[in-house]
Amino acid sequence: MSFIEDLQALIHDRKVNPKEDSYTNALLEDQEELVKKVGEEAIEVVLAALQEGPARLVSETADLFYHMLVLLTAHDIQWEEVIEELRRRHQK
């Protein structure tokens, strides 16, 4: 299992076993806030790529990936489904 899959498993655990004061649970419980956060993080990745150094780009990309994993988990989509779609596209 990859680190991304491990992280998504942890996010899924939060979904089925909520913990009080959990940032992940707060996102899972508020779809509107979650999609806003994904959009915000995507914009921060773009800005980091254009205006900031590699370290900031890595940091913002990590934030975006985390929030995307929460979004995927909220919709019961596994990371592996995204990987399979990328593989399918690559085969064309």
PDB file of N, CA and C in Angstrom:
ATOM      1  N   MET A   1       0.854  -1.180   0.000  1.00  0.00           N
ATOM      2  CA  MET A   1       0.000   0.000   0.000  1.00  0.00           C
ATOM      3  C   MET A   1       0.899   1.242   0.000  1.00  0.00           C
ATOM      4  N   SER A   2       0.558   2.204  -0.820  1.00  0.00           N
ATOM      5  CA  SER A   2       1.347   3.428  -0.903  1.00  0.00           C
ATOM      6  C   SER A   2       0.994   4.380   0.237  1.00  0.00           C
ATOM      7  N   PHE A   3       1.838   5.377   0.431  1.00  0.00           N
ATOM      8  CA  PHE A   3       1.547   6.368   1.468  1.00  0.00           C
ATOM      9  C   PHE A   3       0.216   7.058   1.200  1.00  0.00           C
ATOM     10  N   ILE A   4      -0.067   7.378  -0.065  1.00  0.00           N
ATOM     11  CA  ILE A   4      -1.334   8.037  -0.412  1.00  0.00           C
ATOM     12  C   ILE A   4      -2.503   7.136  -0.009  1.00  0.00           C
ATOM     13  N   GLU A   5      -2.395   5.850  -0.290  1.00  0.00           N
ATOM     14  CA  GLU A   5      -3.462   4.916   0.094  1.00  0.00           C
ATOM     15  C   GLU A   5      -3.586   4.823   1.612  1.00  0.00           C
ATOM     16  N   ASP A   6      -2.458   4.829   2.310  1.00  0.00           N
ATOM     17  CA  ASP A   6      -2.491   4.828   3.780  1.00  0.00           C
ATOM     18  C   ASP A   6      -3.186   6.077   4.309  1.00  0.00           C
ATOM     19  N   LEU A   7      -2.854   7.217   3.724  1.00  0.00           N
ATOM     20  CA  LEU A   7      -3.470   8.469   4.154  1.00  0.00           C
ATOM     21  C   LEU A   7      -4.966   8.453   3.872  1.00  0.00           C
ATOM     22  N   GLN A   8      -5.355   7.945   2.712  1.00  0.00           N
ATOM     23  CA  GLN A   8      -6.784   7.883   2.420  1.00  0.00           C
ATOM     24  C   GLN A   8      -7.492   6.918   3.367  1.00  0.00           C
ATOM     25  N   ALA A   9      -6.833   5.841   3.754  1.00  0.00           N
ATOM     26  CA  ALA A   9      -7.427   4.917   4.728  1.00  0.00           C
ATOM     27  C   ALA A   9      -7.655   5.623   6.063  1.00  0.00           C
ATOM     28  N   LEU A  10      -6.710   6.457   6.468  1.00  0.00           N
ATOM     29  CA  LEU A  10      -6.871   7.228   7.705  1.00  0.00           C
ATOM     30  C   LEU A  10      -8.043   8.204   7.574  1.00  0.00           C
ATOM     31  N   ILE A  11      -8.150   8.866   6.436  1.00  0.00           N
ATOM     32  CA  ILE A  11      -9.264   9.789   6.199  1.00  0.00           C
ATOM     33  C   ILE A  11     -10.588   9.023   6.240  1.00  0.00           C
ATOM     34  N   HIS A  12     -10.622   7.849   5.620  1.00  0.00           N
ATOM     35  CA  HIS A  12     -11.837   7.024   5.646  1.00  0.00           C
ATOM     36  C   HIS A  12     -12.187   6.623   7.076  1.00  0.00           C
ATOM     37  N   ASP A  13     -11.179   6.300   7.866  1.00  0.00           N
ATOM     38  CA  ASP A  13     -11.427   5.966   9.270  1.00  0.00           C
ATOM     39  C   ASP A  13     -12.073   7.137   9.996  1.00  0.00           C
ATOM     40  N   ARG A  14     -11.627   8.344   9.711  1.00  0.00           N
ATOM     41  CA  ARG A  14     -12.247   9.532  10.318  1.00  0.00           C
ATOM     42  C   ARG A  14     -13.708   9.657   9.873  1.00  0.00           C
ATOM     43  N   LYS A  15     -13.968   9.267   8.630  1.00  0.00           N
ATOM     44  CA  LYS A  15     -15.333   9.348   8.107  1.00  0.00           C
ATOM     45  C   LYS A  15     -16.265   8.398   8.861  1.00  0.00           C
ATOM     46  N   VAL A  16     -15.801   7.185   9.107  1.00  0.00           N
ATOM     47  CA  VAL A  16     -16.661   6.188   9.760  1.00  0.00           C
ATOM     48  C   VAL A  16     -16.548   6.204  11.279  1.00  0.00           C
ATOM     49  N   ASN A  17     -15.474   6.769  11.797  1.00  0.00           N
ATOM     50  CA  ASN A  17     -15.259   6.890  13.244  1.00  0.00           C
ATOM     51  C   ASN A  17     -14.856   8.327  13.564  1.00  0.00           C
ATOM     52  N   PRO A  18     -15.809   9.252  13.482  1.00  0.00           N
ATOM     53  CA  PRO A  18     -15.473  10.671  13.671  1.00  0.00           C
ATOM     54  C   PRO A  18     -14.809  10.948  15.017  1.00  0.00           C
ATOM     55  N   LYS A  19     -13.886  11.889  14.996  1.00  0.00           N
ATOM     56  CA  LYS A  19     -13.228  12.348  16.219  1.00  0.00           C
ATOM     57  C   LYS A  19     -13.542  13.822  16.410  1.00  0.00           C
ATOM     58  N   GLU A  20     -13.885  14.153  17.630  1.00  0.00           N
ATOM     59  CA  GLU A  20     -14.182  15.540  17.955  1.00  0.00           C
ATOM     60  C   GLU A  20     -12.948  16.405  17.711  1.00  0.00           C
ATOM     61  N   ASP A  21     -13.157  17.594  17.230  1.00  0.00           N
ATOM     62  CA  ASP A  21     -12.087  18.556  16.954  1.00  0.00           C
ATOM     63  C   ASP A  21     -11.129  18.101  15.854  1.00  0.00           C
ATOM     64  N   SER A  22     -11.584  17.212  14.977  1.00  0.00           N
ATOM     65  CA  SER A  22     -10.767  16.747  13.860  1.00  0.00           C
ATOM     66  C   SER A  22     -11.003  17.644  12.646  1.00  0.00           C
ATOM     67  N   TYR A  23      -9.928  18.195  12.111  1.00  0.00           N
ATOM     68  CA  TYR A  23     -10.028  19.028  10.909  1.00  0.00           C
ATOM     69  C   TYR A  23     -10.605  18.215   9.754  1.00  0.00           C
ATOM     70  N   THR A  24     -10.151  16.978   9.630  1.00  0.00           N
ATOM     71  CA  THR A  24     -10.652  16.106   8.572  1.00  0.00           C
ATOM     72  C   THR A  24     -12.154  15.915   8.700  1.00  0.00           C
ATOM     73  N   ASN A  25     -12.633  15.647   9.911  1.00  0.00           N
ATOM     74  CA  ASN A  25     -14.075  15.485  10.110  1.00  0.00           C
ATOM     75  C   ASN A  25     -14.844  16.757   9.798  1.00  0.00           C
ATOM     76  N   ALA A  26     -14.288  17.892  10.158  1.00  0.00           N
ATOM     77  CA  ALA A  26     -14.961  19.158   9.850  1.00  0.00           C
ATOM     78  C   ALA A  26     -15.137  19.304   8.342  1.00  0.00           C
ATOM     79  N   LEU A  27     -14.120  18.934   7.581  1.00  0.00           N
ATOM     80  CA  LEU A  27     -14.217  18.998   6.121  1.00  0.00           C
ATOM     81  C   LEU A  27     -15.232  17.994   5.585  1.00  0.00           C
ATOM     82  N   LEU A  28     -15.202  16.771   6.118  1.00  0.00           N
ATOM     83  CA  LEU A  28     -16.122  15.735   5.656  1.00  0.00           C
ATOM     84  C   LEU A  28     -17.581  16.089   5.939  1.00  0.00           C
ATOM     85  N   GLU A  29     -17.801  16.843   6.987  1.00  0.00           N
ATOM     86  CA  GLU A  29     -19.164  17.196   7.388  1.00  0.00           C
ATOM     87  C   GLU A  29     -19.703  18.424   6.658  1.00  0.00           C
ATOM     88  N   ASP A  30     -18.855  19.160   5.961  1.00  0.00           N
ATOM     89  CA  ASP A  30     -19.291  20.394   5.298  1.00  0.00           C
ATOM     90  C   ASP A  30     -18.786  20.401   3.855  1.00  0.00           C
ATOM     91  N   GLN A  31     -19.584  19.814   2.973  1.00  0.00           N
ATOM     92  CA  GLN A  31     -19.200  19.672   1.566  1.00  0.00           C
ATOM     93  C   GLN A  31     -18.854  21.013   0.926  1.00  0.00           C
ATOM     94  N   GLU A  32     -19.621  22.034   1.234  1.00  0.00           N
ATOM     95  CA  GLU A  32     -19.361  23.349   0.645  1.00  0.00           C
ATOM     96  C   GLU A  32     -17.993  23.882   1.078  1.00  0.00           C
ATOM     97  N   GLU A  33     -17.684  23.750   2.341  1.00  0.00           N
ATOM     98  CA  GLU A  33     -16.379  24.200   2.841  1.00  0.00           C
ATOM     99  C   GLU A  33     -15.258  23.375   2.217  1.00  0.00           C
ATOM    100  N   LEU A  34     -15.493  22.086   2.065  1.00  0.00           N
ATOM    101  CA  LEU A  34     -14.483  21.209   1.479  1.00  0.00           C
ATOM    102  C   LEU A  34     -14.165  21.614   0.041  1.00  0.00           C
ATOM    103  N   VAL A  35     -15.173  21.841  -0.767  1.00  0.00           N
ATOM    104  CA  VAL A  35     -14.885  22.210  -2.161  1.00  0.00           C
ATOM    105  C   VAL A  35     -14.254  23.597  -2.252  1.00  0.00           C
ATOM    106  N   LYS A  36     -14.622  24.495  -1.359  1.00  0.00           N
ATOM    107  CA  LYS A  36     -13.959  25.807  -1.316  1.00  0.00           C
ATOM    108  C   LYS A  36     -12.482  25.636  -0.990  1.00  0.00           C
ATOM    109  N   LYS A  37     -12.198  24.756  -0.041  1.00  0.00           N
ATOM    110  CA  LYS A  37     -10.809  24.537   0.373  1.00  0.00           C
ATOM    111  C   LYS A  37      -9.995  23.935  -0.772  1.00  0.00           C
ATOM    112  N   VAL A  38     -10.583  22.999  -1.509  1.00  0.00           N
ATOM    113  CA  VAL A  38      -9.886  22.416  -2.661  1.00  0.00           C
ATOM    114  C   VAL A  38      -9.574  23.509  -3.683  1.00  0.00           C
ATOM    115  N   GLY A  39     -10.542  24.368  -3.958  1.00  0.00           N
ATOM    116  CA  GLY A  39     -10.320  25.473  -4.896  1.00  0.00           C
ATOM    117  C   GLY A  39      -9.241  26.421  -4.417  1.00  0.00           C
ATOM    118  N   GLU A  40      -9.282  26.747  -3.138  1.00  0.00           N
ATOM    119  CA  GLU A  40      -8.272  27.639  -2.548  1.00  0.00           C
ATOM    120  C   GLU A  40      -6.879  27.033  -2.668  1.00  0.00           C
ATOM    121  N   GLU A  41      -6.773  25.752  -2.353  1.00  0.00           N
ATOM    122  CA  GLU A  41      -5.463  25.093  -2.424  1.00  0.00           C
ATOM    123  C   GLU A  41      -4.967  25.019  -3.867  1.00  0.00           C
ATOM    124  N   ALA A  42      -5.866  24.794  -4.820  1.00  0.00           N
ATOM    125  CA  ALA A  42      -5.465  24.753  -6.233  1.00  0.00           C
ATOM    126  C   ALA A  42      -4.907  26.104  -6.671  1.00  0.00           C
ATOM    127  N   ILE A  43      -5.562  27.168  -6.252  1.00  0.00           N
ATOM    128  CA  ILE A  43      -5.073  28.514  -6.579  1.00  0.00           C
ATOM    129  C   ILE A  43      -3.706  28.751  -5.945  1.00  0.00           C
ATOM    130  N   GLU A  44      -3.523  28.291  -4.715  1.00  0.00           N
ATOM    131  CA  GLU A  44      -2.232  28.464  -4.047  1.00  0.00           C
ATOM    132  C   GLU A  44      -1.125  27.699  -4.760  1.00  0.00           C
ATOM    133  N   VAL A  45      -1.442  26.540  -5.340  1.00  0.00           N
ATOM    134  CA  VAL A  45      -0.451  25.797  -6.125  1.00  0.00           C
ATOM    135  C   VAL A  45      -0.047  26.617  -7.347  1.00  0.00           C
ATOM    136  N   VAL A  46      -1.020  27.175  -8.036  1.00  0.00           N
ATOM    137  CA  VAL A  46      -0.740  27.989  -9.226  1.00  0.00           C
ATOM    138  C   VAL A  46       0.126  29.190  -8.856  1.00  0.00           C
ATOM    139  N   LEU A  47      -0.250  29.888  -7.795  1.00  0.00           N
ATOM    140  CA  LEU A  47       0.528  31.060  -7.374  1.00  0.00           C
ATOM    141  C   LEU A  47       1.946  30.676  -6.964  1.00  0.00           C
ATOM    142  N   ALA A  48       2.080  29.556  -6.264  1.00  0.00           N
ATOM    143  CA  ALA A  48       3.416  29.104  -5.864  1.00  0.00           C
ATOM    144  C   ALA A  48       4.264  28.794  -7.095  1.00  0.00           C
ATOM    145  N   ALA A  49       3.656  28.185  -8.102  1.00  0.00           N
ATOM    146  CA  ALA A  49       4.396  27.856  -9.326  1.00  0.00           C
ATOM    147  C   ALA A  49       4.860  29.107 -10.055  1.00  0.00           C
ATOM    148  N   LEU A  50       4.054  30.147 -10.004  1.00  0.00           N
ATOM    149  CA  LEU A  50       4.377  31.370 -10.735  1.00  0.00           C
ATOM    150  C   LEU A  50       5.262  32.336  -9.963  1.00  0.00           C
ATOM    151  N   GLN A  51       5.105  32.376  -8.637  1.00  0.00           N
ATOM    152  CA  GLN A  51       5.715  33.460  -7.873  1.00  0.00           C
ATOM    153  C   GLN A  51       6.635  33.025  -6.738  1.00  0.00           C
ATOM    154  N   GLU A  52       6.641  31.741  -6.417  1.00  0.00           N
ATOM    155  CA  GLU A  52       7.408  31.312  -5.249  1.00  0.00           C
ATOM    156  C   GLU A  52       8.336  30.172  -5.636  1.00  0.00           C
ATOM    157  N   GLY A  53       9.177  29.771  -4.735  1.00  0.00           N
ATOM    158  CA  GLY A  53      10.165  28.747  -5.043  1.00  0.00           C
ATOM    159  C   GLY A  53       9.635  27.328  -4.960  1.00  0.00           C
ATOM    160  N   PRO A  54      10.498  26.378  -5.296  1.00  0.00           N
ATOM    161  CA  PRO A  54      10.122  24.971  -5.310  1.00  0.00           C
ATOM    162  C   PRO A  54       9.603  24.453  -3.965  1.00  0.00           C
ATOM    163  N   ALA A  55      10.192  24.905  -2.872  1.00  0.00           N
ATOM    164  CA  ALA A  55       9.756  24.423  -1.557  1.00  0.00           C
ATOM    165  C   ALA A  55       8.299  24.794  -1.293  1.00  0.00           C
ATOM    166  N   ARG A  56       7.943  26.005  -1.664  1.00  0.00           N
ATOM    167  CA  ARG A  56       6.551  26.445  -1.467  1.00  0.00           C
ATOM    168  C   ARG A  56       5.609  25.675  -2.389  1.00  0.00           C
ATOM    169  N   LEU A  57       6.039  25.401  -3.604  1.00  0.00           N
ATOM    170  CA  LEU A  57       5.226  24.628  -4.540  1.00  0.00           C
ATOM    171  C   LEU A  57       4.983  23.215  -4.006  1.00  0.00           C
ATOM    172  N   VAL A  58       6.009  22.599  -3.459  1.00  0.00           N
ATOM    173  CA  VAL A  58       5.853  21.268  -2.862  1.00  0.00           C
ATOM    174  C   VAL A  58       4.862  21.322  -1.702  1.00  0.00           C
ATOM    175  N   SER A  59       5.005  22.310  -0.841  1.00  0.00           N
ATOM    176  CA  SER A  59       4.122  22.455   0.316  1.00  0.00           C
ATOM    177  C   SER A  59       2.663  22.645  -0.102  1.00  0.00           C
ATOM    178  N   GLU A  60       2.442  23.519  -1.054  1.00  0.00           N
ATOM    179  CA  GLU A  60       1.069  23.781  -1.505  1.00  0.00           C
ATOM    180  C   GLU A  60       0.482  22.579  -2.242  1.00  0.00           C
ATOM    181  N   THR A  61       1.319  21.860  -2.979  1.00  0.00           N
ATOM    182  CA  THR A  61       0.847  20.655  -3.660  1.00  0.00           C
ATOM    183  C   THR A  61       0.444  19.592  -2.642  1.00  0.00           C
ATOM    184  N   ALA A  62       1.210  19.465  -1.571  1.00  0.00           N
ATOM    185  CA  ALA A  62       0.843  18.523  -0.506  1.00  0.00           C
ATOM    186  C   ALA A  62      -0.505  18.898   0.096  1.00  0.00           C
ATOM    187  N   ASP A  63      -0.725  20.188   0.331  1.00  0.00           N
ATOM    188  CA  ASP A  63      -2.022  20.638   0.849  1.00  0.00           C
ATOM    189  C   ASP A  63      -3.150  20.274  -0.115  1.00  0.00           C
ATOM    190  N   LEU A  64      -2.923  20.508  -1.402  1.00  0.00           N
ATOM    191  CA  LEU A  64      -3.947  20.200  -2.398  1.00  0.00           C
ATOM    192  C   LEU A  64      -4.231  18.698  -2.441  1.00  0.00           C
ATOM    193  N   PHE A  65      -3.190  17.883  -2.445  1.00  0.00           N
ATOM    194  CA  PHE A  65      -3.385  16.429  -2.470  1.00  0.00           C
ATOM    195  C   PHE A  65      -4.189  15.969  -1.257  1.00  0.00           C
ATOM    196  N   TYR A  66      -3.856  16.474  -0.076  1.00  0.00           N
ATOM    197  CA  TYR A  66      -4.598  16.094   1.138  1.00  0.00           C
ATOM    198  C   TYR A  66      -6.080  16.435   0.981  1.00  0.00           C
ATOM    199  N   HIS A  67      -6.366  17.658   0.576  1.00  0.00           N
ATOM    200  CA  HIS A  67      -7.766  18.072   0.453  1.00  0.00           C
ATOM    201  C   HIS A  67      -8.476  17.311  -0.664  1.00  0.00           C
ATOM    202  N   MET A  68      -7.763  16.973  -1.727  1.00  0.00           N
ATOM    203  CA  MET A  68      -8.354  16.146  -2.781  1.00  0.00           C
ATOM    204  C   MET A  68      -8.673  14.748  -2.257  1.00  0.00           C
ATOM    205  N   LEU A  69      -7.803  14.198  -1.416  1.00  0.00           N
ATOM    206  CA  LEU A  69      -8.085  12.884  -0.829  1.00  0.00           C
ATOM    207  C   LEU A  69      -9.319  12.929   0.058  1.00  0.00           C
ATOM    208  N   VAL A  70      -9.481  14.011   0.804  1.00  0.00           N
ATOM    209  CA  VAL A  70     -10.684  14.161   1.628  1.00  0.00           C
ATOM    210  C   VAL A  70     -11.909  14.228   0.717  1.00  0.00           C
ATOM    211  N   LEU A  71     -11.822  14.986  -0.366  1.00  0.00           N
ATOM    212  CA  LEU A  71     -12.939  15.106  -1.304  1.00  0.00           C
ATOM    213  C   LEU A  71     -13.272  13.751  -1.933  1.00  0.00           C
ATOM    214  N   LEU A  72     -12.259  13.037  -2.387  1.00  0.00           N
ATOM    215  CA  LEU A  72     -12.491  11.710  -2.961  1.00  0.00           C
ATOM    216  C   LEU A  72     -13.149  10.786  -1.946  1.00  0.00           C
ATOM    217  N   THR A  73     -12.654  10.803  -0.723  1.00  0.00           N
ATOM    218  CA  THR A  73     -13.208   9.956   0.331  1.00  0.00           C
ATOM    219  C   THR A  73     -14.653  10.328   0.629  1.00  0.00           C
ATOM    220  N   ALA A  74     -14.951  11.603   0.642  1.00  0.00           N
ATOM    221  CA  ALA A  74     -16.324  12.055   0.880  1.00  0.00           C
ATOM    222  C   ALA A  74     -17.276  11.489  -0.171  1.00  0.00           C
ATOM    223  N   HIS A  75     -16.750  11.249  -1.376  1.00  0.00           N
ATOM    224  CA  HIS A  75     -17.566  10.723  -2.472  1.00  0.00           C
ATOM    225  C   HIS A  75     -17.346   9.225  -2.688  1.00  0.00           C
ATOM    226  N   ASP A  76     -16.723   8.570  -1.713  1.00  0.00           N
ATOM    227  CA  ASP A  76     -16.472   7.119  -1.771  1.00  0.00           C
ATOM    228  C   ASP A  76     -15.698   6.708  -3.019  1.00  0.00           C
ATOM    229  N   ILE A  77     -14.732   7.521  -3.387  1.00  0.00           N
ATOM    230  CA  ILE A  77     -13.854   7.226  -4.517  1.00  0.00           C
ATOM    231  C   ILE A  77     -12.466   6.926  -3.966  1.00  0.00           C
ATOM    232  N   GLN A  78     -11.899   5.817  -4.403  1.00  0.00           N
ATOM    233  CA  GLN A  78     -10.575   5.416  -3.951  1.00  0.00           C
ATOM    234  C   GLN A  78      -9.491   6.035  -4.834  1.00  0.00           C
ATOM    235  N   TRP A  79      -8.345   6.306  -4.237  1.00  0.00           N
ATOM    236  CA  TRP A  79      -7.199   6.849  -4.962  1.00  0.00           C
ATOM    237  C   TRP A  79      -6.867   5.971  -6.164  1.00  0.00           C
ATOM    238  N   GLU A  80      -6.978   4.666  -5.991  1.00  0.00           N
ATOM    239  CA  GLU A  80      -6.647   3.733  -7.061  1.00  0.00           C
ATOM    240  C   GLU A  80      -7.515   3.970  -8.301  1.00  0.00           C
ATOM    241  N   GLU A  81      -8.737   4.456  -8.121  1.00  0.00           N
ATOM    242  CA  GLU A  81      -9.596   4.765  -9.265  1.00  0.00           C
ATOM    243  C   GLU A  81      -9.003   5.906 -10.092  1.00  0.00           C
ATOM    244  N   VAL A  82      -8.403   6.863  -9.435  1.00  0.00           N
ATOM    245  CA  VAL A  82      -7.747   7.972 -10.131  1.00  0.00           C
ATOM    246  C   VAL A  82      -6.524   7.451 -10.885  1.00  0.00           C
ATOM    247  N   ILE A  83      -5.754   6.599 -10.229  1.00  0.00           N
ATOM    248  CA  ILE A  83      -4.571   6.009 -10.868  1.00  0.00           C
ATOM    249  C   ILE A  83      -4.985   5.203 -12.097  1.00  0.00           C
ATOM    250  N   GLU A  84      -6.041   4.420 -11.968  1.00  0.00           N
ATOM    251  CA  GLU A  84      -6.520   3.627 -13.106  1.00  0.00           C
ATOM    252  C   GLU A  84      -6.963   4.515 -14.265  1.00  0.00           C
ATOM    253  N   GLU A  85      -7.593   5.636 -13.968  1.00  0.00           N
ATOM    254  CA  GLU A  85      -7.991   6.573 -15.027  1.00  0.00           C
ATOM    255  C   GLU A  85      -6.759   7.148 -15.727  1.00  0.00           C
ATOM    256  N   LEU A  86      -5.737   7.473 -14.955  1.00  0.00           N
ATOM    257  CA  LEU A  86      -4.494   7.970 -15.562  1.00  0.00           C
ATOM    258  C   LEU A  86      -3.851   6.901 -16.439  1.00  0.00           C
ATOM    259  N   ARG A  87      -3.854   5.664 -15.968  1.00  0.00           N
ATOM    260  CA  ARG A  87      -3.303   4.567 -16.774  1.00  0.00           C
ATOM    261  C   ARG A  87      -4.086   4.400 -18.072  1.00  0.00           C
ATOM    262  N   ARG A  88      -5.410   4.460 -17.965  1.00  0.00           N
ATOM    263  CA  ARG A  88      -6.260   4.308 -19.139  1.00  0.00           C
ATOM    264  C   ARG A  88      -5.949   5.402 -20.162  1.00  0.00           C
ATOM    265  N   ARG A  89      -5.793   6.624 -19.688  1.00  0.00           N
ATOM    266  CA  ARG A  89      -5.489   7.737 -20.588  1.00  0.00           C
ATOM    267  C   ARG A  89      -4.115   7.592 -21.221  1.00  0.00           C
ATOM    268  N   HIS A  90      -3.180   7.057 -20.482  1.00  0.00           N
ATOM    269  CA  HIS A  90      -1.815   6.896 -20.985  1.00  0.00           C
ATOM    270  C   HIS A  90      -1.758   5.846 -22.096  1.00  0.00           C
ATOM    271  N   GLN A  91      -2.642   4.884 -22.045  1.00  0.00           N
ATOM    272  CA  GLN A  91      -2.643   3.798 -23.028  1.00  0.00           C
ATOM    273  C   GLN A  91      -3.176   4.226 -24.386  1.00  0.00           C
ATOM    274  N   LYS A  92      -3.828   5.360 -24.447  1.00  0.00           N
ATOM    275  CA  LYS A  92      -4.411   5.816 -25.725  1.00  0.00           C
ATOM    276  C   LYS A  92      -3.348   6.226 -26.708  1.00  0.00           C
TER     277      LYS A  92
END
